[in-house]
């Protein structure tokens, strides 16, 4: 691998990694997650780590753990546990039971009606009107019929998108061609977004689990592919970068990003959810990208 220093890491990785320690496969308890997150905030990667990601039904536990640790207020991104009504419930809770130890900076909700994603999007958009305007809302777009129309509605409403790049089973990982196509749609819509699930490594990696071989995408390869799409390259070129058959070339793309290119990329890619935020950061360090 190349050992030349990065030119764009000063902004490229700022607050990029949302701490999803409480979600699979990490499944940390509230106390464990809060304790580790507090350590991260005081550690060398503090500026690269975003909010703690918390399910809405775990907010009470996380607030109590934060109060016990004495490290509040803690920035959190709240994942809605059900449909659009979960956002209304979150808004009501913030009024009736203020979260003194937590600051809700964003909310995340998945579209669940796979037979009518545009209709589900309209319900989510309506529910977001109950939330304070300073809360960023990410709408997870399942890879199902109607997702592009749903993405258009999300962009028109001033919300952000969210894509999954993996999961617990091999079928949850989109092929390089499919992920490149989905990213290209978001770029064409100029829809900012978050990525989650499966980006534990800098370069593509096959992980063997009880569920089978999991072909995980690599964060550096995703960044290189996204940059290519922003620059007007084809979906085929982006897919080739995602495969990272030439790892040195992929790393070089990211290493050579200048500040305007890094800013343009981060305007689209707002964050990456990861249950073990230090894992990709360590690999980025070994590639001399930090």
C-alpha atoms as a PDB file:
ATOM      1  CA  UNK A   1       0.000   0.000   0.000  1.00  0.00           C
ATOM      2  CA  UNK A   2       1.089   3.579  -0.588  1.00  0.00           C
ATOM      3  CA  UNK A   3       2.579   5.352   2.424  1.00  0.00           C
ATOM      4  CA  UNK A   4       2.151   8.891   1.168  1.00  0.00           C
ATOM      5  CA  UNK A   5       0.162  11.101   3.543  1.00  0.00           C
ATOM      6  CA  UNK A   6      -3.374  12.145   2.760  1.00  0.00           C
ATOM      7  CA  UNK A   7      -4.092  15.670   1.605  1.00  0.00           C
ATOM      8  CA  UNK A   8      -7.798  15.807   2.397  1.00  0.00           C
ATOM      9  CA  UNK A   9      -8.155  14.006   5.714  1.00  0.00           C
ATOM     10  CA  UNK A  10      -8.367  17.303   7.569  1.00  0.00           C
ATOM     11  CA  UNK A  11     -12.030  17.615   6.620  1.00  0.00           C
ATOM     12  CA  UNK A  12     -12.892  14.363   4.878  1.00  0.00           C
ATOM     13  CA  UNK A  13     -13.332  12.344   8.058  1.00  0.00           C
ATOM     14  CA  UNK A  14     -14.554  15.076  10.432  1.00  0.00           C
ATOM     15  CA  UNK A  15     -17.474  13.759  12.536  1.00  0.00           C
ATOM     16  CA  UNK A  16     -18.043  11.095   9.891  1.00  0.00           C
ATOM     17  CA  UNK A  17     -18.507   8.068  12.141  1.00  0.00           C
ATOM     18  CA  UNK A  18     -21.774   7.810  14.071  1.00  0.00           C
ATOM     19  CA  UNK A  19     -21.347   5.521  17.074  1.00  0.00           C
ATOM     20  CA  UNK A  20     -23.888   2.699  16.663  1.00  0.00           C
ATOM     21  CA  UNK A  21     -22.430   0.495  19.410  1.00  0.00           C
ATOM     22  CA  UNK A  22     -25.883  -0.444  20.715  1.00  0.00           C
ATOM     23  CA  UNK A  23     -26.940  -1.975  17.401  1.00  0.00           C
ATOM     24  CA  UNK A  24     -26.028  -5.366  15.903  1.00  0.00           C
ATOM     25  CA  UNK A  25     -23.553  -6.890  15.795  1.00  0.00           C
ATOM     26  CA  UNK A  26     -22.129  -4.855  18.682  1.00  0.00           C
ATOM     27  CA  UNK A  27     -25.270  -4.878  20.848  1.00  0.00           C
ATOM     28  CA  UNK A  28     -23.617  -2.923  23.661  1.00  0.00           C
ATOM     29  CA  UNK A  29     -25.665  -2.098  26.738  1.00  0.00           C
ATOM     30  CA  UNK A  30     -26.529   1.529  27.463  1.00  0.00           C
ATOM     31  CA  UNK A  31     -23.857   1.707  30.163  1.00  0.00           C
ATOM     32  CA  UNK A  32     -21.206   0.159  27.923  1.00  0.00           C
ATOM     33  CA  UNK A  33     -22.084   2.364  24.965  1.00  0.00           C
ATOM     34  CA  UNK A  34     -22.147   5.585  26.978  1.00  0.00           C
ATOM     35  CA  UNK A  35     -18.882   4.767  28.748  1.00  0.00           C
ATOM     36  CA  UNK A  36     -17.073   3.998  25.495  1.00  0.00           C
ATOM     37  CA  UNK A  37     -18.555   7.027  23.755  1.00  0.00           C
ATOM     38  CA  UNK A  38     -17.347   9.223  26.594  1.00  0.00           C
ATOM     39  CA  UNK A  39     -13.865   7.789  26.132  1.00  0.00           C
ATOM     40  CA  UNK A  40     -14.013   8.491  22.398  1.00  0.00           C
ATOM     41  CA  UNK A  41     -14.953  12.111  23.040  1.00  0.00           C
ATOM     42  CA  UNK A  42     -11.767  12.511  25.077  1.00  0.00           C
ATOM     43  CA  UNK A  43      -9.535  10.451  22.775  1.00  0.00           C
ATOM     44  CA  UNK A  44      -7.450  11.146  19.665  1.00  0.00           C
ATOM     45  CA  UNK A  45     -10.378  10.519  17.305  1.00  0.00           C
ATOM     46  CA  UNK A  46     -12.813  12.843  19.088  1.00  0.00           C
ATOM     47  CA  UNK A  47     -13.228  15.100  16.059  1.00  0.00           C
ATOM     48  CA  UNK A  48     -14.013  12.173  13.775  1.00  0.00           C
ATOM     49  CA  UNK A  49     -16.811  10.621  15.804  1.00  0.00           C
ATOM     50  CA  UNK A  50     -20.386  11.856  15.569  1.00  0.00           C
ATOM     51  CA  UNK A  51     -23.363  11.259  17.856  1.00  0.00           C
ATOM     52  CA  UNK A  52     -24.258   8.100  19.737  1.00  0.00           C
ATOM     53  CA  UNK A  53     -27.010   6.283  17.827  1.00  0.00           C
ATOM     54  CA  UNK A  54     -29.869   5.278  20.133  1.00  0.00           C
ATOM     55  CA  UNK A  55     -33.153   3.458  19.540  1.00  0.00           C
ATOM     56  CA  UNK A  56     -36.114   5.556  20.696  1.00  0.00           C
ATOM     57  CA  UNK A  57     -37.139   2.905  23.221  1.00  0.00           C
ATOM     58  CA  UNK A  58     -33.662   3.022  24.812  1.00  0.00           C
ATOM     59  CA  UNK A  59     -33.512   6.784  25.396  1.00  0.00           C
ATOM     60  CA  UNK A  60     -34.357   6.471  29.087  1.00  0.00           C
ATOM     61  CA  UNK A  61     -31.579   3.951  29.707  1.00  0.00           C
ATOM     62  CA  UNK A  62     -29.059   6.045  27.810  1.00  0.00           C
ATOM     63  CA  UNK A  63     -30.032   9.214  29.674  1.00  0.00           C
ATOM     64  CA  UNK A  64     -29.641   7.495  33.040  1.00  0.00           C
ATOM     65  CA  UNK A  65     -26.288   6.043  32.006  1.00  0.00           C
ATOM     66  CA  UNK A  66     -25.129   9.464  30.836  1.00  0.00           C
ATOM     67  CA  UNK A  67     -26.185  11.065  34.113  1.00  0.00           C
ATOM     68  CA  UNK A  68     -24.341   8.369  36.100  1.00  0.00           C
ATOM     69  CA  UNK A  69     -21.210   8.853  34.016  1.00  0.00           C
ATOM     70  CA  UNK A  70     -21.392  12.633  34.431  1.00  0.00           C
ATOM     71  CA  UNK A  71     -20.540  13.306  30.781  1.00  0.00           C
ATOM     72  CA  UNK A  72     -23.709  14.957  29.519  1.00  0.00           C
ATOM     73  CA  UNK A  73     -25.153  16.505  27.556  1.00  0.00           C
ATOM     74  CA  UNK A  74     -24.486  13.817  24.962  1.00  0.00           C
ATOM     75  CA  UNK A  75     -25.345  14.242  21.277  1.00  0.00           C
ATOM     76  CA  UNK A  76     -27.581  11.409  20.069  1.00  0.00           C
ATOM     77  CA  UNK A  77     -29.187  10.303  16.831  1.00  0.00           C
ATOM     78  CA  UNK A  78     -32.520   8.632  17.577  1.00  0.00           C
ATOM     79  CA  UNK A  79     -33.659   5.662  15.484  1.00  0.00           C
ATOM     80  CA  UNK A  80     -37.443   5.434  15.226  1.00  0.00           C
ATOM     81  CA  UNK A  81     -38.610   1.955  16.199  1.00  0.00           C
ATOM     82  CA  UNK A  82     -41.780   1.923  14.094  1.00  0.00           C
ATOM     83  CA  UNK A  83     -43.475   4.028  11.439  1.00  0.00           C
ATOM     84  CA  UNK A  84     -44.092   7.745  11.095  1.00  0.00           C
ATOM     85  CA  UNK A  85     -45.900   7.774  14.440  1.00  0.00           C
ATOM     86  CA  UNK A  86     -42.538   7.161  16.113  1.00  0.00           C
ATOM     87  CA  UNK A  87     -41.392  10.609  15.033  1.00  0.00           C
ATOM     88  CA  UNK A  88     -44.507  12.178  16.515  1.00  0.00           C
ATOM     89  CA  UNK A  89     -43.883  10.195  19.678  1.00  0.00           C
ATOM     90  CA  UNK A  90     -40.315  11.466  19.850  1.00  0.00           C
ATOM     91  CA  UNK A  91     -41.499  15.052  19.417  1.00  0.00           C
ATOM     92  CA  UNK A  92     -44.081  14.612  22.190  1.00  0.00           C
ATOM     93  CA  UNK A  93     -41.529  13.055  24.524  1.00  0.00           C
ATOM     94  CA  UNK A  94     -39.086  15.908  24.024  1.00  0.00           C
ATOM     95  CA  UNK A  95     -41.821  18.274  25.204  1.00  0.00           C
ATOM     96  CA  UNK A  96     -43.312  16.268  28.066  1.00  0.00           C
ATOM     97  CA  UNK A  97     -40.094  14.603  29.292  1.00  0.00           C
ATOM     98  CA  UNK A  98     -37.139  16.817  28.340  1.00  0.00           C
ATOM     99  CA  UNK A  99     -33.905  14.891  27.846  1.00  0.00           C
ATOM    100  CA  UNK A 100     -31.667  16.955  30.107  1.00  0.00           C
ATOM    101  CA  UNK A 101     -28.637  14.689  29.635  1.00  0.00           C
ATOM    102  CA  UNK A 102     -29.045  14.232  25.875  1.00  0.00           C
ATOM    103  CA  UNK A 103     -29.157  16.509  22.854  1.00  0.00           C
ATOM    104  CA  UNK A 104     -31.101  15.044  19.947  1.00  0.00           C
ATOM    105  CA  UNK A 105     -29.225  16.173  16.845  1.00  0.00           C
ATOM    106  CA  UNK A 106     -30.835  13.817  14.346  1.00  0.00           C
ATOM    107  CA  UNK A 107     -33.541  11.223  13.865  1.00  0.00           C
ATOM    108  CA  UNK A 108     -33.513   8.173  11.611  1.00  0.00           C
ATOM    109  CA  UNK A 109     -36.516   6.326  10.261  1.00  0.00           C
ATOM    110  CA  UNK A 110     -36.879   3.481   7.771  1.00  0.00           C
ATOM    111  CA  UNK A 111     -39.660   3.331   5.206  1.00  0.00           C
ATOM    112  CA  UNK A 112     -41.548   0.163   6.149  1.00  0.00           C
ATOM    113  CA  UNK A 113     -44.375  -0.126   3.632  1.00  0.00           C
ATOM    114  CA  UNK A 114     -42.424  -1.865   0.874  1.00  0.00           C
ATOM    115  CA  UNK A 115     -45.535  -2.057  -1.297  1.00  0.00           C
ATOM    116  CA  UNK A 116     -45.937   1.715  -1.278  1.00  0.00           C
ATOM    117  CA  UNK A 117     -42.687   3.516  -0.524  1.00  0.00           C
ATOM    118  CA  UNK A 118     -43.895   6.884  -1.895  1.00  0.00           C
ATOM    119  CA  UNK A 119     -46.963   6.733   0.365  1.00  0.00           C
ATOM    120  CA  UNK A 120     -44.810   5.824   3.360  1.00  0.00           C
ATOM    121  CA  UNK A 121     -42.553   8.758   2.527  1.00  0.00           C
ATOM    122  CA  UNK A 122     -45.477  11.182   2.540  1.00  0.00           C
ATOM    123  CA  UNK A 123     -46.450   9.997   6.028  1.00  0.00           C
ATOM    124  CA  UNK A 124     -42.891  10.399   7.287  1.00  0.00           C
ATOM    125  CA  UNK A 125     -42.577  13.871   5.771  1.00  0.00           C
ATOM    126  CA  UNK A 126     -45.802  14.939   7.482  1.00  0.00           C
ATOM    127  CA  UNK A 127     -44.606  13.584  10.833  1.00  0.00           C
ATOM    128  CA  UNK A 128     -41.297  15.445  10.666  1.00  0.00           C
ATOM    129  CA  UNK A 129     -43.226  18.688  10.976  1.00  0.00           C
ATOM    130  CA  UNK A 130     -43.671  17.877  14.661  1.00  0.00           C
ATOM    131  CA  UNK A 131     -39.926  17.825  15.317  1.00  0.00           C
ATOM    132  CA  UNK A 132     -37.828  20.901  16.141  1.00  0.00           C
ATOM    133  CA  UNK A 133     -36.352  22.285  12.891  1.00  0.00           C
ATOM    134  CA  UNK A 134     -32.765  21.890  14.098  1.00  0.00           C
ATOM    135  CA  UNK A 135     -33.072  18.085  14.111  1.00  0.00           C
ATOM    136  CA  UNK A 136     -31.731  16.459  10.961  1.00  0.00           C
ATOM    137  CA  UNK A 137     -33.951  13.639   9.687  1.00  0.00           C
ATOM    138  CA  UNK A 138     -32.543  10.681   7.755  1.00  0.00           C
ATOM    139  CA  UNK A 139     -35.053   8.579   5.827  1.00  0.00           C
ATOM    140  CA  UNK A 140     -33.850   5.046   5.119  1.00  0.00           C
ATOM    141  CA  UNK A 141     -34.655   4.054   1.539  1.00  0.00           C
ATOM    142  CA  UNK A 142     -35.086   0.284   1.139  1.00  0.00           C
ATOM    143  CA  UNK A 143     -34.002  -1.202  -2.160  1.00  0.00           C
ATOM    144  CA  UNK A 144     -37.529  -1.894  -3.348  1.00  0.00           C
ATOM    145  CA  UNK A 145     -39.910  -0.748  -6.057  1.00  0.00           C
ATOM    146  CA  UNK A 146     -40.577   2.978  -5.853  1.00  0.00           C
ATOM    147  CA  UNK A 147     -37.443   3.871  -3.914  1.00  0.00           C
ATOM    148  CA  UNK A 148     -36.306   6.477  -6.443  1.00  0.00           C
ATOM    149  CA  UNK A 149     -39.656   8.283  -6.251  1.00  0.00           C
ATOM    150  CA  UNK A 150     -39.404   8.120  -2.473  1.00  0.00           C
ATOM    151  CA  UNK A 151     -35.894   9.608  -2.676  1.00  0.00           C
ATOM    152  CA  UNK A 152     -37.234  12.479  -4.774  1.00  0.00           C
ATOM    153  CA  UNK A 153     -39.868  13.209  -2.128  1.00  0.00           C
ATOM    154  CA  UNK A 154     -37.258  13.103   0.629  1.00  0.00           C
ATOM    155  CA  UNK A 155     -35.100  15.619  -1.239  1.00  0.00           C
ATOM    156  CA  UNK A 156     -38.075  17.889  -1.987  1.00  0.00           C
ATOM    157  CA  UNK A 157     -38.993  17.938   1.702  1.00  0.00           C
ATOM    158  CA  UNK A 158     -35.500  18.999   2.717  1.00  0.00           C
ATOM    159  CA  UNK A 159     -34.792  15.723   4.514  1.00  0.00           C
ATOM    160  CA  UNK A 160     -31.778  13.448   4.080  1.00  0.00           C
ATOM    161  CA  UNK A 161     -31.516   9.902   2.767  1.00  0.00           C
ATOM    162  CA  UNK A 162     -30.049   6.774   4.296  1.00  0.00           C
ATOM    163  CA  UNK A 163     -28.798   3.625   2.586  1.00  0.00           C
ATOM    164  CA  UNK A 164     -27.785   0.282   4.032  1.00  0.00           C
ATOM    165  CA  UNK A 165     -24.604  -1.199   2.599  1.00  0.00           C
ATOM    166  CA  UNK A 166     -24.883  -4.534   4.407  1.00  0.00           C
ATOM    167  CA  UNK A 167     -26.530  -6.493   7.170  1.00  0.00           C
ATOM    168  CA  UNK A 168     -26.510  -9.799   9.003  1.00  0.00           C
ATOM    169  CA  UNK A 169     -26.902 -12.063   5.962  1.00  0.00           C
ATOM    170  CA  UNK A 170     -25.138 -12.196   2.578  1.00  0.00           C
ATOM    171  CA  UNK A 171     -28.286 -11.087   0.750  1.00  0.00           C
ATOM    172  CA  UNK A 172     -28.225  -7.784   2.654  1.00  0.00           C
ATOM    173  CA  UNK A 173     -25.047  -6.665   0.875  1.00  0.00           C
ATOM    174  CA  UNK A 174     -25.710  -4.979  -2.477  1.00  0.00           C
ATOM    175  CA  UNK A 175     -23.411  -5.872  -5.333  1.00  0.00           C
ATOM    176  CA  UNK A 176     -20.879  -3.219  -6.400  1.00  0.00           C
ATOM    177  CA  UNK A 177     -23.015  -2.543  -9.470  1.00  0.00           C
ATOM    178  CA  UNK A 178     -26.186  -2.128  -7.422  1.00  0.00           C
ATOM    179  CA  UNK A 179     -24.593   0.088  -4.786  1.00  0.00           C
ATOM    180  CA  UNK A 180     -22.987   2.234  -7.472  1.00  0.00           C
ATOM    181  CA  UNK A 181     -26.373   2.665  -9.172  1.00  0.00           C
ATOM    182  CA  UNK A 182     -28.085   3.651  -5.929  1.00  0.00           C
ATOM    183  CA  UNK A 183     -25.352   6.144  -5.073  1.00  0.00           C
ATOM    184  CA  UNK A 184     -25.606   7.607  -8.572  1.00  0.00           C
ATOM    185  CA  UNK A 185     -29.321   8.253  -8.082  1.00  0.00           C
ATOM    186  CA  UNK A 186     -28.666  10.157  -4.862  1.00  0.00           C
ATOM    187  CA  UNK A 187     -25.915  12.184  -6.519  1.00  0.00           C
ATOM    188  CA  UNK A 188     -28.193  13.062  -9.438  1.00  0.00           C
ATOM    189  CA  UNK A 189     -30.902  14.146  -6.990  1.00  0.00           C
ATOM    190  CA  UNK A 190     -28.325  16.091  -4.966  1.00  0.00           C
ATOM    191  CA  UNK A 191     -29.726  14.286  -1.922  1.00  0.00           C
ATOM    192  CA  UNK A 192     -27.393  14.242   1.070  1.00  0.00           C
ATOM    193  CA  UNK A 193     -27.374  10.920   2.884  1.00  0.00           C
ATOM    194  CA  UNK A 194     -26.028   8.600   5.535  1.00  0.00           C
ATOM    195  CA  UNK A 195     -24.636   5.096   5.036  1.00  0.00           C
ATOM    196  CA  UNK A 196     -25.033   2.350   7.587  1.00  0.00           C
ATOM    197  CA  UNK A 197     -24.405  -1.361   8.132  1.00  0.00           C
ATOM    198  CA  UNK A 198     -21.385  -3.267   6.935  1.00  0.00           C
ATOM    199  CA  UNK A 199     -18.768  -0.529   6.515  1.00  0.00           C
ATOM    200  CA  UNK A 200     -16.401  -1.884   9.143  1.00  0.00           C
ATOM    201  CA  UNK A 201     -13.342  -1.972   6.889  1.00  0.00           C
ATOM    202  CA  UNK A 202     -11.462   0.472   4.700  1.00  0.00           C
ATOM    203  CA  UNK A 203     -11.345  -1.908   1.731  1.00  0.00           C
ATOM    204  CA  UNK A 204     -13.710  -4.692   0.645  1.00  0.00           C
ATOM    205  CA  UNK A 205     -13.437  -7.667   2.990  1.00  0.00           C
ATOM    206  CA  UNK A 206     -15.120 -11.056   3.137  1.00  0.00           C
ATOM    207  CA  UNK A 207     -16.115 -11.933   6.699  1.00  0.00           C
ATOM    208  CA  UNK A 208     -17.152 -15.471   7.572  1.00  0.00           C
ATOM    209  CA  UNK A 209     -19.974 -15.847  10.084  1.00  0.00           C
ATOM    210  CA  UNK A 210     -22.515 -18.471  11.033  1.00  0.00           C
ATOM    211  CA  UNK A 211     -24.790 -16.923   8.404  1.00  0.00           C
ATOM    212  CA  UNK A 212     -22.245 -17.451   5.644  1.00  0.00           C
ATOM    213  CA  UNK A 213     -19.693 -15.324   3.801  1.00  0.00           C
ATOM    214  CA  UNK A 214     -20.441 -11.616   4.150  1.00  0.00           C
ATOM    215  CA  UNK A 215     -18.884  -9.599   1.298  1.00  0.00           C
ATOM    216  CA  UNK A 216     -18.503  -6.286   3.102  1.00  0.00           C
ATOM    217  CA  UNK A 217     -17.921  -3.094   1.156  1.00  0.00           C
ATOM    218  CA  UNK A 218     -14.956  -0.901   2.070  1.00  0.00           C
ATOM    219  CA  UNK A 219     -15.326   2.689   3.226  1.00  0.00           C
ATOM    220  CA  UNK A 220     -12.364   3.951   1.209  1.00  0.00           C
ATOM    221  CA  UNK A 221     -13.736   2.244  -1.901  1.00  0.00           C
ATOM    222  CA  UNK A 222     -17.170   3.794  -1.275  1.00  0.00           C
ATOM    223  CA  UNK A 223     -15.624   7.254  -0.928  1.00  0.00           C
ATOM    224  CA  UNK A 224     -13.640   6.786  -4.134  1.00  0.00           C
ATOM    225  CA  UNK A 225     -16.744   5.608  -6.001  1.00  0.00           C
ATOM    226  CA  UNK A 226     -18.835   8.485  -4.677  1.00  0.00           C
ATOM    227  CA  UNK A 227     -16.180  10.992  -5.714  1.00  0.00           C
ATOM    228  CA  UNK A 228     -16.161   9.496  -9.201  1.00  0.00           C
ATOM    229  CA  UNK A 229     -19.939   9.874  -9.487  1.00  0.00           C
ATOM    230  CA  UNK A 230     -19.813  13.474  -8.252  1.00  0.00           C
ATOM    231  CA  UNK A 231     -17.200  14.166 -10.942  1.00  0.00           C
ATOM    232  CA  UNK A 232     -19.548  12.787 -13.593  1.00  0.00           C
ATOM    233  CA  UNK A 233     -17.998   9.361 -14.062  1.00  0.00           C
ATOM    234  CA  UNK A 234     -20.174   6.400 -15.032  1.00  0.00           C
ATOM    235  CA  UNK A 235     -21.877   3.883 -12.780  1.00  0.00           C
ATOM    236  CA  UNK A 236     -19.561   1.238 -14.265  1.00  0.00           C
ATOM    237  CA  UNK A 237     -16.501   3.228 -13.175  1.00  0.00           C
ATOM    238  CA  UNK A 238     -17.937   3.630  -9.678  1.00  0.00           C
ATOM    239  CA  UNK A 239     -18.651  -0.105  -9.485  1.00  0.00           C
ATOM    240  CA  UNK A 240     -15.068  -0.858 -10.484  1.00  0.00           C
ATOM    241  CA  UNK A 241     -13.805   1.347  -7.658  1.00  0.00           C
ATOM    242  CA  UNK A 242     -16.163  -0.384  -5.223  1.00  0.00           C
ATOM    243  CA  UNK A 243     -14.658  -3.741  -6.167  1.00  0.00           C
ATOM    244  CA  UNK A 244     -11.199  -2.309  -5.405  1.00  0.00           C
ATOM    245  CA  UNK A 245      -9.386  -4.855  -7.549  1.00  0.00           C
ATOM    246  CA  UNK A 246      -6.452  -2.421  -7.419  1.00  0.00           C
ATOM    247  CA  UNK A 247      -6.405  -1.328  -3.748  1.00  0.00           C
ATOM    248  CA  UNK A 248      -3.473   1.068  -4.227  1.00  0.00           C
ATOM    249  CA  UNK A 249      -5.348   2.950  -6.936  1.00  0.00           C
ATOM    250  CA  UNK A 250      -8.475   3.239  -4.781  1.00  0.00           C
ATOM    251  CA  UNK A 251      -6.481   4.490  -1.792  1.00  0.00           C
ATOM    252  CA  UNK A 252      -4.723   6.987  -4.075  1.00  0.00           C
ATOM    253  CA  UNK A 253      -8.061   8.460  -5.163  1.00  0.00           C
ATOM    254  CA  UNK A 254      -8.969   9.233  -1.561  1.00  0.00           C
ATOM    255  CA  UNK A 255      -5.445  10.275  -0.577  1.00  0.00           C
ATOM    256  CA  UNK A 256      -5.339  12.838  -3.383  1.00  0.00           C
ATOM    257  CA  UNK A 257      -8.674  14.522  -2.693  1.00  0.00           C
ATOM    258  CA  UNK A 258      -8.114  18.242  -2.210  1.00  0.00           C
ATOM    259  CA  UNK A 259     -10.180  20.330   0.179  1.00  0.00           C
ATOM    260  CA  UNK A 260     -12.859  21.425  -2.358  1.00  0.00           C
ATOM    261  CA  UNK A 261     -13.339  17.813  -3.470  1.00  0.00           C
ATOM    262  CA  UNK A 262     -13.525  16.642   0.140  1.00  0.00           C
ATOM    263  CA  UNK A 263     -16.106  19.339   0.918  1.00  0.00           C
ATOM    264  CA  UNK A 264     -18.199  18.392  -2.128  1.00  0.00           C
ATOM    265  CA  UNK A 265     -18.122  14.757  -1.065  1.00  0.00           C
ATOM    266  CA  UNK A 266     -19.041  15.455   2.551  1.00  0.00           C
ATOM    267  CA  UNK A 267     -21.935  17.637   1.424  1.00  0.00           C
ATOM    268  CA  UNK A 268     -23.410  14.377   0.114  1.00  0.00           C
ATOM    269  CA  UNK A 269     -22.034  11.816   2.558  1.00  0.00           C
ATOM    270  CA  UNK A 270     -22.980  13.230   5.938  1.00  0.00           C
ATOM    271  CA  UNK A 271     -22.166  10.241   8.151  1.00  0.00           C
ATOM    272  CA  UNK A 272     -21.468   6.536   8.398  1.00  0.00           C
ATOM    273  CA  UNK A 273     -23.072   4.444  11.125  1.00  0.00           C
ATOM    274  CA  UNK A 274     -20.718   1.878  12.628  1.00  0.00           C
ATOM    275  CA  UNK A 275     -21.065  -0.320  15.707  1.00  0.00           C
ATOM    276  CA  UNK A 276     -17.292  -0.293  16.227  1.00  0.00           C
ATOM    277  CA  UNK A 277     -16.109   3.148  15.179  1.00  0.00           C
ATOM    278  CA  UNK A 278     -12.454   2.509  15.976  1.00  0.00           C
ATOM    279  CA  UNK A 279     -12.234  -0.395  13.496  1.00  0.00           C
ATOM    280  CA  UNK A 280     -12.394   1.658  10.281  1.00  0.00           C
ATOM    281  CA  UNK A 281     -10.394   4.469  11.894  1.00  0.00           C
ATOM    282  CA  UNK A 282      -7.530   2.114  12.707  1.00  0.00           C
ATOM    283  CA  UNK A 283      -7.514   0.822   9.136  1.00  0.00           C
ATOM    284  CA  UNK A 284      -7.552   4.359   7.758  1.00  0.00           C
ATOM    285  CA  UNK A 285      -4.533   5.050   9.938  1.00  0.00           C
ATOM    286  CA  UNK A 286      -2.684   2.004   8.634  1.00  0.00           C
ATOM    287  CA  UNK A 287      -3.352   3.251   5.091  1.00  0.00           C
ATOM    288  CA  UNK A 288      -1.887   6.647   6.062  1.00  0.00           C
ATOM    289  CA  UNK A 289      -5.158   8.403   5.305  1.00  0.00           C
ATOM    290  CA  UNK A 290      -5.351  10.011   8.753  1.00  0.00           C
END
